[in-house]
Amino acid sequence: MTLVYVGSRSARFEIFARARSASYFKRIAPMLALPSPADMAALLDNFGKGTGLYLPSWSYYSLSPHELMGSDKIGTIA
């Protein structure tokens, strides 16, 4: 992921857009070390809550992993 890419787009990254399919998510889950979409949601919810996970930021800008991953849509298509 590059900040140049993120700055010019408001859409999800392609790998996560494809992960709307439950079968595609199962194929990429080992790469992410997250066995289920619920585990991914739990990880994303822990950012910035004193868990040691922090989002990169620069000049008052920050990334939105929920938006870039479309975490609410992952695994929703059978």
N, C-alpha and C. Protein backbone atom coordinates (compact mmCIF):
# COMPACT_ATOMS: atom_id res chain seq x y z
N MET A 1 0.86 -1.16 0.00
CA MET A 1 0.00 0.00 0.00
C MET A 1 0.91 1.22 0.00
N THR A 2 0.61 2.15 -0.85
CA THR A 2 1.36 3.39 -0.85
C THR A 2 0.41 4.55 -0.56
N LEU A 3 0.93 5.56 0.05
CA LEU A 3 0.11 6.72 0.38
C LEU A 3 -0.29 7.48 -0.88
N VAL A 4 0.52 7.39 -1.93
CA VAL A 4 0.16 8.03 -3.20
C VAL A 4 -1.10 7.38 -3.74
N TYR A 5 -1.17 6.06 -3.71
CA TYR A 5 -2.34 5.33 -4.18
C TYR A 5 -3.57 5.70 -3.35
N VAL A 6 -3.42 5.69 -2.07
CA VAL A 6 -4.53 6.00 -1.17
C VAL A 6 -5.03 7.42 -1.38
N GLY A 7 -4.12 8.35 -1.58
CA GLY A 7 -4.51 9.75 -1.73
C GLY A 7 -5.32 10.03 -2.98
N SER A 8 -5.19 9.19 -4.00
CA SER A 8 -5.89 9.44 -5.25
C SER A 8 -7.13 8.58 -5.45
N ARG A 9 -7.44 7.72 -4.51
CA ARG A 9 -8.59 6.82 -4.65
C ARG A 9 -9.44 6.85 -3.40
N SER A 10 -10.71 6.58 -3.61
CA SER A 10 -11.59 6.44 -2.45
C SER A 10 -12.23 5.07 -2.42
N ALA A 11 -11.80 4.19 -3.33
CA ALA A 11 -12.36 2.85 -3.41
C ALA A 11 -11.52 1.87 -2.60
N ARG A 12 -12.09 0.69 -2.38
CA ARG A 12 -11.37 -0.36 -1.68
C ARG A 12 -10.22 -0.87 -2.53
N PHE A 13 -9.20 -1.40 -1.86
CA PHE A 13 -8.14 -2.09 -2.57
C PHE A 13 -8.75 -3.32 -3.24
N GLU A 14 -8.25 -3.65 -4.42
CA GLU A 14 -8.87 -4.71 -5.23
C GLU A 14 -8.93 -6.04 -4.50
N ILE A 15 -7.88 -6.41 -3.80
CA ILE A 15 -7.89 -7.71 -3.13
C ILE A 15 -9.04 -7.81 -2.12
N PHE A 16 -9.34 -6.70 -1.46
CA PHE A 16 -10.43 -6.71 -0.49
C PHE A 16 -11.79 -6.56 -1.16
N ALA A 17 -11.84 -5.88 -2.29
CA ALA A 17 -13.08 -5.80 -3.05
C ALA A 17 -13.48 -7.19 -3.53
N ARG A 18 -12.50 -7.97 -3.96
CA ARG A 18 -12.78 -9.35 -4.39
C ARG A 18 -13.16 -10.24 -3.20
N ALA A 19 -12.69 -9.88 -2.02
CA ALA A 19 -12.95 -10.69 -0.83
C ALA A 19 -14.40 -10.58 -0.36
N ARG A 20 -15.22 -9.82 -1.06
CA ARG A 20 -16.67 -9.85 -0.78
C ARG A 20 -17.17 -11.28 -0.94
N SER A 21 -16.56 -12.02 -1.85
CA SER A 21 -16.90 -13.42 -2.06
C SER A 21 -16.30 -14.24 -0.92
N ALA A 22 -17.15 -15.03 -0.28
CA ALA A 22 -16.67 -15.86 0.84
C ALA A 22 -15.60 -16.84 0.37
N SER A 23 -15.75 -17.39 -0.84
CA SER A 23 -14.76 -18.35 -1.33
C SER A 23 -13.42 -17.67 -1.60
N TYR A 24 -13.44 -16.43 -2.09
CA TYR A 24 -12.19 -15.71 -2.32
C TYR A 24 -11.55 -15.37 -0.97
N PHE A 25 -12.35 -14.98 0.00
CA PHE A 25 -11.78 -14.68 1.31
C PHE A 25 -11.08 -15.91 1.88
N LYS A 26 -11.68 -17.09 1.72
CA LYS A 26 -11.04 -18.32 2.22
C LYS A 26 -9.69 -18.54 1.57
N ARG A 27 -9.54 -18.14 0.30
CA ARG A 27 -8.27 -18.31 -0.40
C ARG A 27 -7.21 -17.33 0.11
N ILE A 28 -7.60 -16.13 0.50
CA ILE A 28 -6.59 -15.15 0.95
C ILE A 28 -6.43 -15.13 2.47
N ALA A 29 -7.30 -15.79 3.19
CA ALA A 29 -7.24 -15.79 4.66
C ALA A 29 -5.88 -16.25 5.20
N PRO A 30 -5.28 -17.31 4.66
CA PRO A 30 -3.96 -17.71 5.18
C PRO A 30 -2.90 -16.62 5.01
N MET A 31 -2.97 -15.88 3.91
CA MET A 31 -2.01 -14.81 3.67
C MET A 31 -2.18 -13.69 4.71
N LEU A 32 -3.41 -13.45 5.12
CA LEU A 32 -3.70 -12.39 6.09
C LEU A 32 -3.57 -12.86 7.53
N ALA A 33 -3.48 -14.17 7.72
CA ALA A 33 -3.43 -14.78 9.06
C ALA A 33 -4.68 -14.42 9.86
N LEU A 34 -5.81 -14.32 9.15
CA LEU A 34 -7.10 -14.04 9.76
C LEU A 34 -8.09 -15.08 9.26
N PRO A 35 -8.51 -16.01 10.12
CA PRO A 35 -9.34 -17.11 9.65
C PRO A 35 -10.77 -16.74 9.25
N SER A 36 -11.27 -15.60 9.68
CA SER A 36 -12.65 -15.25 9.35
C SER A 36 -12.80 -13.73 9.22
N PRO A 37 -13.84 -13.29 8.53
CA PRO A 37 -14.12 -11.85 8.46
C PRO A 37 -14.34 -11.23 9.84
N ALA A 38 -14.89 -11.99 10.76
CA ALA A 38 -15.10 -11.49 12.12
C ALA A 38 -13.77 -11.20 12.81
N ASP A 39 -12.77 -12.04 12.56
CA ASP A 39 -11.44 -11.79 13.12
C ASP A 39 -10.82 -10.53 12.54
N MET A 40 -11.07 -10.29 11.25
CA MET A 40 -10.56 -9.08 10.62
C MET A 40 -11.23 -7.85 11.23
N ALA A 41 -12.53 -7.92 11.44
CA ALA A 41 -13.25 -6.80 12.04
C ALA A 41 -12.73 -6.52 13.45
N ALA A 42 -12.48 -7.58 14.21
CA ALA A 42 -11.96 -7.41 15.57
C ALA A 42 -10.58 -6.74 15.55
N LEU A 43 -9.73 -7.15 14.62
CA LEU A 43 -8.41 -6.54 14.51
C LEU A 43 -8.52 -5.06 14.16
N LEU A 44 -9.36 -4.72 13.20
CA LEU A 44 -9.51 -3.33 12.80
C LEU A 44 -10.09 -2.48 13.92
N ASP A 45 -10.97 -3.05 14.72
CA ASP A 45 -11.56 -2.31 15.83
C ASP A 45 -10.55 -2.00 16.94
N ASN A 46 -9.44 -2.76 16.97
CA ASN A 46 -8.43 -2.56 18.02
C ASN A 46 -7.45 -1.43 17.74
N PHE A 47 -7.45 -0.89 16.52
CA PHE A 47 -6.52 0.20 16.21
C PHE A 47 -6.83 1.43 17.05
N GLY A 48 -5.80 1.96 17.69
CA GLY A 48 -5.93 3.19 18.46
C GLY A 48 -6.66 3.07 19.77
N LYS A 49 -6.83 1.86 20.27
CA LYS A 49 -7.55 1.68 21.54
C LYS A 49 -6.63 1.19 22.64
N GLY A 50 -5.39 1.64 22.61
CA GLY A 50 -4.44 1.26 23.66
C GLY A 50 -3.92 -0.16 23.53
N THR A 51 -4.08 -0.76 22.35
CA THR A 51 -3.62 -2.14 22.14
C THR A 51 -2.23 -2.20 21.52
N GLY A 52 -1.63 -1.04 21.24
CA GLY A 52 -0.33 -1.01 20.60
C GLY A 52 -0.42 -0.95 19.08
N LEU A 53 -1.63 -0.97 18.55
CA LEU A 53 -1.85 -0.85 17.11
C LEU A 53 -2.25 0.57 16.79
N TYR A 54 -1.46 1.22 15.94
CA TYR A 54 -1.75 2.60 15.60
C TYR A 54 -1.72 2.77 14.08
N LEU A 55 -2.56 3.63 13.58
CA LEU A 55 -2.61 3.93 12.16
C LEU A 55 -1.52 4.94 11.80
N PRO A 56 -0.87 4.75 10.67
CA PRO A 56 0.10 5.76 10.25
C PRO A 56 -0.61 7.07 9.95
N SER A 57 0.04 8.16 10.25
CA SER A 57 -0.54 9.47 9.95
C SER A 57 0.59 10.41 9.54
N TRP A 58 0.24 11.43 8.81
CA TRP A 58 1.18 12.43 8.33
C TRP A 58 0.44 13.72 8.07
N SER A 59 0.97 14.82 8.49
CA SER A 59 0.38 16.15 8.24
C SER A 59 -1.13 16.18 8.46
N TYR A 60 -1.58 15.67 9.57
CA TYR A 60 -2.99 15.66 9.94
C TYR A 60 -3.85 14.71 9.11
N TYR A 61 -3.25 13.86 8.30
CA TYR A 61 -3.99 12.87 7.52
C TYR A 61 -3.74 11.50 8.12
N SER A 62 -4.71 10.64 7.97
CA SER A 62 -4.59 9.28 8.47
C SER A 62 -5.31 8.33 7.51
N LEU A 63 -4.98 7.07 7.60
CA LEU A 63 -5.62 6.06 6.78
C LEU A 63 -6.89 5.55 7.47
N SER A 64 -7.84 5.12 6.68
CA SER A 64 -9.04 4.48 7.21
C SER A 64 -9.06 3.03 6.73
N PRO A 65 -8.57 2.09 7.54
CA PRO A 65 -8.53 0.71 7.08
C PRO A 65 -9.92 0.15 6.80
N HIS A 66 -10.92 0.57 7.56
CA HIS A 66 -12.28 0.09 7.29
C HIS A 66 -12.71 0.47 5.88
N GLU A 67 -12.42 1.70 5.48
CA GLU A 67 -12.80 2.17 4.15
C GLU A 67 -11.97 1.52 3.06
N LEU A 68 -10.66 1.42 3.26
CA LEU A 68 -9.78 0.86 2.25
C LEU A 68 -9.96 -0.64 2.06
N MET A 69 -10.45 -1.31 3.09
CA MET A 69 -10.67 -2.75 3.00
C MET A 69 -12.14 -3.09 2.75
N GLY A 70 -13.03 -2.17 3.00
CA GLY A 70 -14.45 -2.50 2.87
C GLY A 70 -14.82 -3.60 3.84
N SER A 71 -14.35 -3.47 5.05
CA SER A 71 -14.47 -4.57 6.03
C SER A 71 -15.92 -4.99 6.30
N ASP A 72 -16.87 -4.11 6.09
CA ASP A 72 -18.27 -4.47 6.33
C ASP A 72 -18.83 -5.35 5.21
N LYS A 73 -18.13 -5.46 4.10
CA LYS A 73 -18.61 -6.25 2.96
C LYS A 73 -17.86 -7.57 2.77
N ILE A 74 -16.77 -7.78 3.49
CA ILE A 74 -15.94 -8.97 3.27
C ILE A 74 -16.71 -10.23 3.66
N GLY A 75 -16.68 -11.20 2.73
CA GLY A 75 -17.32 -12.48 2.96
C GLY A 75 -18.83 -12.46 2.93
N THR A 76 -19.43 -11.43 2.32
CA THR A 76 -20.90 -11.33 2.36
C THR A 76 -21.58 -11.99 1.17
N ILE A 77 -20.82 -12.38 0.14
CA ILE A 77 -21.41 -13.04 -1.02
C ILE A 77 -21.00 -14.51 -0.97
N ALA A 78 -21.97 -15.39 -1.04
CA ALA A 78 -21.69 -16.83 -0.95
C ALA A 78 -20.97 -17.38 -2.15
